[in-house]
Amino acid sequence: MIREGRLRRAGALSALRALRGLDVNYPEPPPGAAPATGWHFDSYVQPLPPESPGAPAAGGPWETACRLVRDYQFADPYILRGLYDATGPLLGRDILLDARFYGLRFDFGVRITSLTDTTRGTGESARRAWGWGYQTLQGHLEEGELAYEVVKHLATGDVDFVITAHSRRAPIRNPLVRLGFVLFGRVTQRRFYRRSARRLRRLLLDELHGGSPSAPEPHPGDGRVVIAPGGRRRGPAPPPPSHTSHTRG
């Protein structure tokens, strides 16, 4: 695994707990894409294995993908790994991100501030969607929100993984880091979208063909806290997310 030793240290647990005292690092959502303000808007759609039309099947592609997204197993570990308390509710969860950026490493925090659990549209256009979004906290190199959804088109059975985001560079005091982010930040950001979406598809296909489920790794210093992405799990997979919250339509 990539950089798991760094997140296994006791200091990582302290850094995770310290996120609770931080606020989101930008005042309000941007009004729209505007070069003068530096905001970027992104959307990426990755087709996943389909299933039969109608409501999502138990243990099928949609439910399995929802579990992988819930656990942050899809993230590209060569760019980001996360540390979080798996025992608390998803909404409000703090995640300490360990990021690698062209040879440099950074720790910064995000907080899950929105959940999606809804059916959009009716008839032939009905889509079942589940997912979550996080916002950046004080100390992050970026400002903005990143949302992940697993969407099933009920009429056809097609399943998609959808990434949407709005972001801009946060004020960075270190001139070397600031220059690096200007030159390579967007390149790395887009690479993360592509690689993470493709990783989710690979993990899902492997499980659907009988492979062992992947799961976050328990932190050696606190069993409630996990490192994600983790490796393969022995035994059956945990149940998919309970679809009861409707905080975003």
C-alpha atoms as a PDB file:
ATOM      1  CA  MET A   1       0.000   0.000   0.000  1.00  0.00           C
ATOM      2  CA  ILE A   2       1.014   3.618  -0.547  1.00  0.00           C
ATOM      3  CA  ARG A   3       2.224   5.703   2.410  1.00  0.00           C
ATOM      4  CA  GLU A   4       0.218   3.728   4.937  1.00  0.00           C
ATOM      5  CA  GLY A   5       3.023   4.130   7.504  1.00  0.00           C
ATOM      6  CA  ARG A   6       2.477   7.888   7.670  1.00  0.00           C
ATOM      7  CA  LEU A   7      -1.203   7.591   8.522  1.00  0.00           C
ATOM      8  CA  ARG A   8      -0.572   4.804  11.036  1.00  0.00           C
ATOM      9  CA  ARG A   9       1.363   7.129  13.346  1.00  0.00           C
ATOM     10  CA  ALA A  10      -0.133   8.513  16.534  1.00  0.00           C
ATOM     11  CA  GLY A  11       0.345  12.012  15.187  1.00  0.00           C
ATOM     12  CA  ALA A  12      -2.166  11.315  12.450  1.00  0.00           C
ATOM     13  CA  LEU A  13      -4.827  10.541  15.056  1.00  0.00           C
ATOM     14  CA  SER A  14      -4.100  13.836  16.786  1.00  0.00           C
ATOM     15  CA  ALA A  15      -4.298  15.704  13.489  1.00  0.00           C
ATOM     16  CA  LEU A  16      -7.632  14.033  12.691  1.00  0.00           C
ATOM     17  CA  ARG A  17      -9.113  15.019  16.068  1.00  0.00           C
ATOM     18  CA  ALA A  18      -7.884  18.597  15.606  1.00  0.00           C
ATOM     19  CA  LEU A  19     -10.049  18.965  12.488  1.00  0.00           C
ATOM     20  CA  ARG A  20     -13.141  19.191  14.695  1.00  0.00           C
ATOM     21  CA  GLY A  21     -12.083  22.700  15.688  1.00  0.00           C
ATOM     22  CA  LEU A  22     -11.693  23.945  12.098  1.00  0.00           C
ATOM     23  CA  ASP A  23     -14.233  25.679   9.884  1.00  0.00           C
ATOM     24  CA  VAL A  24     -14.821  25.516   6.143  1.00  0.00           C
ATOM     25  CA  ASN A  25     -12.200  27.761   4.545  1.00  0.00           C
ATOM     26  CA  TYR A  26     -14.381  29.799   2.197  1.00  0.00           C
ATOM     27  CA  PRO A  27     -17.412  31.956   2.984  1.00  0.00           C
ATOM     28  CA  GLU A  28     -20.043  30.865   0.465  1.00  0.00           C
ATOM     29  CA  PRO A  29     -20.575  28.841  -2.719  1.00  0.00           C
ATOM     30  CA  PRO A  30     -19.347  30.587  -5.871  1.00  0.00           C
ATOM     31  CA  PRO A  31     -21.972  32.186  -8.147  1.00  0.00           C
ATOM     32  CA  GLY A  32     -20.493  30.564 -11.245  1.00  0.00           C
ATOM     33  CA  ALA A  33     -17.311  30.001 -13.184  1.00  0.00           C
ATOM     34  CA  ALA A  34     -15.394  33.248 -13.392  1.00  0.00           C
ATOM     35  CA  PRO A  35     -11.724  33.649 -14.355  1.00  0.00           C
ATOM     36  CA  ALA A  36     -11.433  36.726 -12.148  1.00  0.00           C
ATOM     37  CA  THR A  37     -12.262  34.724  -9.001  1.00  0.00           C
ATOM     38  CA  GLY A  38     -10.351  31.603  -9.980  1.00  0.00           C
ATOM     39  CA  TRP A  39     -13.247  29.165  -9.508  1.00  0.00           C
ATOM     40  CA  HIS A  40     -13.274  25.985 -11.598  1.00  0.00           C
ATOM     41  CA  PHE A  41     -16.300  23.749 -12.144  1.00  0.00           C
ATOM     42  CA  ASP A  42     -15.802  20.094 -13.003  1.00  0.00           C
ATOM     43  CA  SER A  43     -17.978  17.102 -13.822  1.00  0.00           C
ATOM     44  CA  TYR A  44     -16.788  13.581 -14.602  1.00  0.00           C
ATOM     45  CA  VAL A  45     -18.957  10.546 -15.376  1.00  0.00           C
ATOM     46  CA  GLN A  46     -17.635   6.977 -15.270  1.00  0.00           C
ATOM     47  CA  PRO A  47     -19.972   4.238 -16.566  1.00  0.00           C
ATOM     48  CA  LEU A  48     -20.105   1.236 -14.225  1.00  0.00           C
ATOM     49  CA  PRO A  49     -21.359  -2.306 -14.829  1.00  0.00           C
ATOM     50  CA  PRO A  50     -25.132  -2.177 -15.436  1.00  0.00           C
ATOM     51  CA  GLU A  51     -27.849  -4.234 -13.797  1.00  0.00           C
ATOM     52  CA  SER A  52     -31.454  -5.077 -14.619  1.00  0.00           C
ATOM     53  CA  PRO A  53     -33.898  -2.175 -14.988  1.00  0.00           C
ATOM     54  CA  GLY A  54     -35.942  -1.198 -11.965  1.00  0.00           C
ATOM     55  CA  ALA A  55     -35.016  -0.687  -8.334  1.00  0.00           C
ATOM     56  CA  PRO A  56     -31.371  -1.433  -7.406  1.00  0.00           C
ATOM     57  CA  ALA A  57     -30.743  -5.136  -6.789  1.00  0.00           C
ATOM     58  CA  ALA A  58     -29.472  -6.308  -3.409  1.00  0.00           C
ATOM     59  CA  GLY A  59     -25.721  -6.861  -3.725  1.00  0.00           C
ATOM     60  CA  GLY A  60     -25.769  -5.605  -7.313  1.00  0.00           C
ATOM     61  CA  PRO A  61     -23.520  -3.054  -9.006  1.00  0.00           C
ATOM     62  CA  TRP A  62     -25.321   0.008  -7.627  1.00  0.00           C
ATOM     63  CA  GLU A  63     -25.363  -1.151  -3.993  1.00  0.00           C
ATOM     64  CA  THR A  64     -21.790  -2.432  -4.129  1.00  0.00           C
ATOM     65  CA  ALA A  65     -20.564   0.815  -5.673  1.00  0.00           C
ATOM     66  CA  CYS A  66     -22.398   2.770  -2.963  1.00  0.00           C
ATOM     67  CA  ARG A  67     -20.497   0.849  -0.280  1.00  0.00           C
ATOM     68  CA  LEU A  68     -17.146   1.489  -1.966  1.00  0.00           C
ATOM     69  CA  VAL A  69     -17.953   5.186  -2.241  1.00  0.00           C
ATOM     70  CA  ARG A  70     -19.176   5.349   1.370  1.00  0.00           C
ATOM     71  CA  ASP A  71     -15.866   3.859   2.570  1.00  0.00           C
ATOM     72  CA  TYR A  72     -13.677   6.073   0.314  1.00  0.00           C
ATOM     73  CA  GLN A  73     -12.186   2.936  -1.202  1.00  0.00           C
ATOM     74  CA  PHE A  74     -12.268   4.379  -4.703  1.00  0.00           C
ATOM     75  CA  ALA A  75      -9.715   7.153  -4.089  1.00  0.00           C
ATOM     76  CA  ASP A  76      -6.444   6.858  -6.009  1.00  0.00           C
ATOM     77  CA  PRO A  77      -3.919   6.055  -3.244  1.00  0.00           C
ATOM     78  CA  TYR A  78      -1.041   7.406  -5.328  1.00  0.00           C
ATOM     79  CA  ILE A  79      -2.569  10.885  -4.892  1.00  0.00           C
ATOM     80  CA  LEU A  80      -4.771  10.805  -1.767  1.00  0.00           C
ATOM     81  CA  ARG A  81      -5.381   8.601   1.239  1.00  0.00           C
ATOM     82  CA  GLY A  82      -7.831   9.406   4.014  1.00  0.00           C
ATOM     83  CA  LEU A  83      -8.121   8.861   7.760  1.00  0.00           C
ATOM     84  CA  TYR A  84     -11.532   9.011   9.450  1.00  0.00           C
ATOM     85  CA  ASP A  85     -13.632   7.702  12.342  1.00  0.00           C
ATOM     86  CA  ALA A  86     -15.822   4.982  10.837  1.00  0.00           C
ATOM     87  CA  THR A  87     -18.114   4.705  13.868  1.00  0.00           C
ATOM     88  CA  GLY A  88     -19.756   8.115  13.590  1.00  0.00           C
ATOM     89  CA  PRO A  89     -22.424   9.306  11.147  1.00  0.00           C
ATOM     90  CA  LEU A  90     -21.419   9.960   7.564  1.00  0.00           C
ATOM     91  CA  LEU A  91     -22.835  13.490   7.588  1.00  0.00           C
ATOM     92  CA  GLY A  92     -20.396  15.666   9.520  1.00  0.00           C
ATOM     93  CA  ARG A  93     -17.510  13.199   9.208  1.00  0.00           C
ATOM     94  CA  ASP A  94     -14.054  14.767   9.199  1.00  0.00           C
ATOM     95  CA  ILE A  95     -11.430  13.203   6.920  1.00  0.00           C
ATOM     96  CA  LEU A  96      -7.712  13.859   7.248  1.00  0.00           C
ATOM     97  CA  LEU A  97      -6.267  13.665   3.746  1.00  0.00           C
ATOM     98  CA  ASP A  98      -2.665  12.648   3.139  1.00  0.00           C
ATOM     99  CA  ALA A  99      -1.836  14.103  -0.266  1.00  0.00           C
ATOM    100  CA  ARG A 100       1.179  13.614  -2.500  1.00  0.00           C
ATOM    101  CA  PHE A 101       1.886  16.431  -4.924  1.00  0.00           C
ATOM    102  CA  TYR A 102       4.918  16.125  -7.210  1.00  0.00           C
ATOM    103  CA  GLY A 103       7.206  14.790  -4.512  1.00  0.00           C
ATOM    104  CA  LEU A 104       5.746  16.902  -1.702  1.00  0.00           C
ATOM    105  CA  ARG A 105       3.328  15.662   0.969  1.00  0.00           C
ATOM    106  CA  PHE A 106       0.601  17.577   2.702  1.00  0.00           C
ATOM    107  CA  ASP A 107      -1.969  16.868   5.395  1.00  0.00           C
ATOM    108  CA  PHE A 108      -5.233  18.744   5.274  1.00  0.00           C
ATOM    109  CA  GLY A 109      -8.834  18.278   6.280  1.00  0.00           C
ATOM    110  CA  VAL A 110     -12.264  18.077   4.708  1.00  0.00           C
ATOM    111  CA  ARG A 111     -15.727  17.616   6.193  1.00  0.00           C
ATOM    112  CA  ILE A 112     -18.714  15.770   4.720  1.00  0.00           C
ATOM    113  CA  THR A 113     -21.444  18.403   4.660  1.00  0.00           C
ATOM    114  CA  SER A 114     -24.013  16.936   2.265  1.00  0.00           C
ATOM    115  CA  LEU A 115     -25.630  13.580   1.547  1.00  0.00           C
ATOM    116  CA  THR A 116     -27.612  12.507  -1.490  1.00  0.00           C
ATOM    117  CA  ASP A 117     -30.252   9.785  -1.243  1.00  0.00           C
ATOM    118  CA  THR A 118     -33.050  10.355  -3.694  1.00  0.00           C
ATOM    119  CA  THR A 119     -34.842   9.415  -6.885  1.00  0.00           C
ATOM    120  CA  ARG A 120     -34.750  12.134  -9.508  1.00  0.00           C
ATOM    121  CA  GLY A 121     -37.186  12.403 -12.373  1.00  0.00           C
ATOM    122  CA  THR A 122     -40.043  10.095 -13.312  1.00  0.00           C
ATOM    123  CA  GLY A 123     -40.823   7.491 -15.937  1.00  0.00           C
ATOM    124  CA  GLU A 124     -38.069   6.899 -18.473  1.00  0.00           C
ATOM    125  CA  SER A 125     -35.869   9.580 -16.907  1.00  0.00           C
ATOM    126  CA  ALA A 126     -36.028   8.298 -13.298  1.00  0.00           C
ATOM    127  CA  ARG A 127     -32.616   7.949 -11.659  1.00  0.00           C
ATOM    128  CA  ARG A 128     -31.730   6.533  -8.241  1.00  0.00           C
ATOM    129  CA  ALA A 129     -28.826   8.453  -6.688  1.00  0.00           C
ATOM    130  CA  TRP A 130     -26.776   8.043  -3.509  1.00  0.00           C
ATOM    131  CA  GLY A 131     -23.610   9.818  -2.479  1.00  0.00           C
ATOM    132  CA  TRP A 132     -21.938  12.486  -0.412  1.00  0.00           C
ATOM    133  CA  GLY A 133     -19.952  15.678  -0.707  1.00  0.00           C
ATOM    134  CA  TYR A 134     -17.208  17.287   1.342  1.00  0.00           C
ATOM    135  CA  GLN A 135     -15.997  20.837   1.787  1.00  0.00           C
ATOM    136  CA  THR A 136     -12.439  21.972   2.410  1.00  0.00           C
ATOM    137  CA  LEU A 137     -11.394  23.094   5.895  1.00  0.00           C
ATOM    138  CA  GLN A 138      -8.973  25.758   7.110  1.00  0.00           C
ATOM    139  CA  GLY A 139      -5.409  24.913   6.105  1.00  0.00           C
ATOM    140  CA  HIS A 140      -6.378  23.160   2.875  1.00  0.00           C
ATOM    141  CA  LEU A 141      -4.542  24.155  -0.307  1.00  0.00           C
ATOM    142  CA  GLU A 142      -7.886  24.511  -2.085  1.00  0.00           C
ATOM    143  CA  GLU A 143     -11.287  26.014  -1.377  1.00  0.00           C
ATOM    144  CA  GLY A 144     -14.429  24.268  -2.543  1.00  0.00           C
ATOM    145  CA  GLU A 145     -16.637  21.209  -2.551  1.00  0.00           C
ATOM    146  CA  LEU A 146     -16.283  17.778  -4.140  1.00  0.00           C
ATOM    147  CA  ALA A 147     -19.280  15.445  -4.468  1.00  0.00           C
ATOM    148  CA  TYR A 148     -19.502  11.769  -5.391  1.00  0.00           C
ATOM    149  CA  GLU A 149     -22.698  10.014  -6.507  1.00  0.00           C
ATOM    150  CA  VAL A 150     -23.616   6.547  -7.709  1.00  0.00           C
ATOM    151  CA  VAL A 151     -26.552   6.906 -10.104  1.00  0.00           C
ATOM    152  CA  LYS A 152     -28.774   4.175 -11.544  1.00  0.00           C
ATOM    153  CA  HIS A 153     -30.983   4.892 -14.548  1.00  0.00           C
ATOM    154  CA  LEU A 154     -34.039   2.887 -13.551  1.00  0.00           C
ATOM    155  CA  ALA A 155     -35.471   2.464 -17.044  1.00  0.00           C
ATOM    156  CA  THR A 156     -32.300   1.000 -18.559  1.00  0.00           C
ATOM    157  CA  GLY A 157     -30.325  -0.377 -15.612  1.00  0.00           C
ATOM    158  CA  ASP A 158     -27.263   1.710 -16.516  1.00  0.00           C
ATOM    159  CA  VAL A 159     -25.124   2.738 -13.531  1.00  0.00           C
ATOM    160  CA  ASP A 160     -22.752   5.716 -13.415  1.00  0.00           C
ATOM    161  CA  PHE A 161     -20.256   7.137 -10.950  1.00  0.00           C
ATOM    162  CA  VAL A 162     -20.529  10.923 -11.080  1.00  0.00           C
ATOM    163  CA  ILE A 163     -17.964  13.368  -9.689  1.00  0.00           C
ATOM    164  CA  THR A 164     -18.847  17.054  -9.506  1.00  0.00           C
ATOM    165  CA  ALA A 165     -16.770  19.828  -8.000  1.00  0.00           C
ATOM    166  CA  HIS A 166     -16.207  23.529  -7.694  1.00  0.00           C
ATOM    167  CA  SER A 167     -12.840  24.668  -6.430  1.00  0.00           C
ATOM    168  CA  ARG A 168     -10.177  27.322  -6.486  1.00  0.00           C
ATOM    169  CA  ARG A 169      -6.687  27.695  -5.058  1.00  0.00           C
ATOM    170  CA  ALA A 170      -6.597  28.824  -1.436  1.00  0.00           C
ATOM    171  CA  PRO A 171      -4.111  31.521  -0.355  1.00  0.00           C
ATOM    172  CA  ILE A 172      -0.706  29.802  -0.092  1.00  0.00           C
ATOM    173  CA  ARG A 173       2.098  31.592   1.736  1.00  0.00           C
ATOM    174  CA  ASN A 174       4.982  29.369   0.643  1.00  0.00           C
ATOM    175  CA  PRO A 175       6.041  30.708  -2.796  1.00  0.00           C
ATOM    176  CA  LEU A 176       7.444  27.368  -3.955  1.00  0.00           C
ATOM    177  CA  VAL A 177       4.252  25.507  -3.080  1.00  0.00           C
ATOM    178  CA  ARG A 178       2.166  28.305  -4.602  1.00  0.00           C
ATOM    179  CA  LEU A 179       4.098  28.104  -7.877  1.00  0.00           C
ATOM    180  CA  GLY A 180       3.823  24.315  -7.929  1.00  0.00           C
ATOM    181  CA  PHE A 181       0.094  24.481  -7.390  1.00  0.00           C
ATOM    182  CA  VAL A 182      -0.314  27.045 -10.167  1.00  0.00           C
ATOM    183  CA  LEU A 183       1.639  24.852 -12.585  1.00  0.00           C
ATOM    184  CA  PHE A 184       0.409  21.390 -11.625  1.00  0.00           C
ATOM    185  CA  GLY A 185      -2.634  21.743  -9.368  1.00  0.00           C
ATOM    186  CA  ARG A 186      -5.290  21.407 -12.074  1.00  0.00           C
ATOM    187  CA  VAL A 187      -3.379  18.614 -13.787  1.00  0.00           C
ATOM    188  CA  THR A 188      -3.247  16.618 -10.552  1.00  0.00           C
ATOM    189  CA  GLN A 189      -6.874  17.397  -9.766  1.00  0.00           C
ATOM    190  CA  ARG A 190      -8.133  16.063 -13.096  1.00  0.00           C
ATOM    191  CA  ARG A 191      -5.850  13.055 -12.847  1.00  0.00           C
ATOM    192  CA  PHE A 192      -7.389  12.255  -9.457  1.00  0.00           C
ATOM    193  CA  TYR A 193     -10.904  12.331 -10.934  1.00  0.00           C
ATOM    194  CA  ARG A 194      -9.997  10.002 -13.795  1.00  0.00           C
ATOM    195  CA  ARG A 195      -7.942   7.534 -11.784  1.00  0.00           C
ATOM    196  CA  SER A 196     -10.384   7.362  -8.895  1.00  0.00           C
ATOM    197  CA  ALA A 197     -13.349   6.767 -11.196  1.00  0.00           C
ATOM    198  CA  ARG A 198     -11.497   4.009 -13.028  1.00  0.00           C
ATOM    199  CA  ARG A 199     -10.365   2.488  -9.747  1.00  0.00           C
ATOM    200  CA  LEU A 200     -13.979   2.279  -8.572  1.00  0.00           C
ATOM    201  CA  ARG A 201     -14.898   0.456 -11.757  1.00  0.00           C
ATOM    202  CA  ARG A 202     -12.003  -2.001 -11.310  1.00  0.00           C
ATOM    203  CA  LEU A 203     -12.886  -2.709  -7.685  1.00  0.00           C
ATOM    204  CA  LEU A 204     -16.536  -3.184  -8.556  1.00  0.00           C
ATOM    205  CA  LEU A 205     -15.834  -5.549 -11.457  1.00  0.00           C
ATOM    206  CA  ASP A 206     -13.504  -7.592  -9.274  1.00  0.00           C
ATOM    207  CA  GLU A 207     -16.130  -8.023  -6.554  1.00  0.00           C
ATOM    208  CA  LEU A 208     -18.894  -8.827  -9.025  1.00  0.00           C
ATOM    209  CA  HIS A 209     -16.693 -11.590 -10.446  1.00  0.00           C
ATOM    210  CA  GLY A 210     -16.107 -13.160  -7.037  1.00  0.00           C
ATOM    211  CA  GLY A 211     -13.097 -11.246  -5.770  1.00  0.00           C
ATOM    212  CA  SER A 212     -12.664 -10.436  -2.100  1.00  0.00           C
ATOM    213  CA  PRO A 213     -14.276  -7.148  -1.063  1.00  0.00           C
ATOM    214  CA  SER A 214     -11.931  -4.269  -0.363  1.00  0.00           C
ATOM    215  CA  ALA A 215     -12.208  -2.412   2.925  1.00  0.00           C
ATOM    216  CA  PRO A 216     -10.534   0.386   4.896  1.00  0.00           C
ATOM    217  CA  GLU A 217      -7.671  -0.590   7.201  1.00  0.00           C
ATOM    218  CA  PRO A 218      -8.181  -0.162  10.976  1.00  0.00           C
ATOM    219  CA  HIS A 219      -5.719   2.234  12.550  1.00  0.00           C
ATOM    220  CA  PRO A 220      -3.357   0.367  14.925  1.00  0.00           C
ATOM    221  CA  GLY A 221      -3.793   3.038  17.597  1.00  0.00           C
ATOM    222  CA  ASP A 222      -7.583   3.327  17.538  1.00  0.00           C
ATOM    223  CA  GLY A 223      -9.863   0.659  16.101  1.00  0.00           C
ATOM    224  CA  ARG A 224     -12.628   3.174  15.465  1.00  0.00           C
ATOM    225  CA  VAL A 225     -10.451   5.036  12.974  1.00  0.00           C
ATOM    226  CA  VAL A 226      -9.652   3.642   9.527  1.00  0.00           C
ATOM    227  CA  ILE A 227      -7.282   4.334   6.662  1.00  0.00           C
ATOM    228  CA  ALA A 228      -8.789   4.394   3.179  1.00  0.00           C
ATOM    229  CA  PRO A 229      -8.256   3.100   0.627  1.00  0.00           C
ATOM    230  CA  GLY A 230      -7.389  -0.137   2.393  1.00  0.00           C
ATOM    231  CA  GLY A 231      -6.777  -3.633   1.107  1.00  0.00           C
ATOM    232  CA  ARG A 232      -8.801  -6.786   0.715  1.00  0.00           C
ATOM    233  CA  ARG A 233     -11.175  -8.006   3.374  1.00  0.00           C
ATOM    234  CA  ARG A 234     -11.538 -11.603   4.456  1.00  0.00           C
ATOM    235  CA  GLY A 235     -15.107 -12.808   4.769  1.00  0.00           C
ATOM    236  CA  PRO A 236     -18.350 -11.223   3.537  1.00  0.00           C
ATOM    237  CA  ALA A 237     -18.677  -7.563   2.732  1.00  0.00           C
ATOM    238  CA  PRO A 238     -20.490  -5.243   5.150  1.00  0.00           C
ATOM    239  CA  PRO A 239     -24.033  -4.153   4.236  1.00  0.00           C
ATOM    240  CA  PRO A 240     -24.453  -1.260   1.810  1.00  0.00           C
ATOM    241  CA  PRO A 241     -25.393   2.191   3.095  1.00  0.00           C
ATOM    242  CA  SER A 242     -28.878   2.537   4.584  1.00  0.00           C
ATOM    243  CA  HIS A 243     -30.742   4.825   2.228  1.00  0.00           C
ATOM    244  CA  THR A 244     -32.739   6.983   4.580  1.00  0.00           C
ATOM    245  CA  SER A 245     -31.343  10.499   4.318  1.00  0.00           C
ATOM    246  CA  HIS A 246     -32.634  12.958   1.748  1.00  0.00           C
ATOM    247  CA  THR A 247     -30.470  15.981   2.367  1.00  0.00           C
ATOM    248  CA  ARG A 248     -29.755  16.648  -1.300  1.00  0.00           C
ATOM    249  CA  GLY A 249     -32.121  15.996  -4.175  1.00  0.00           C
END
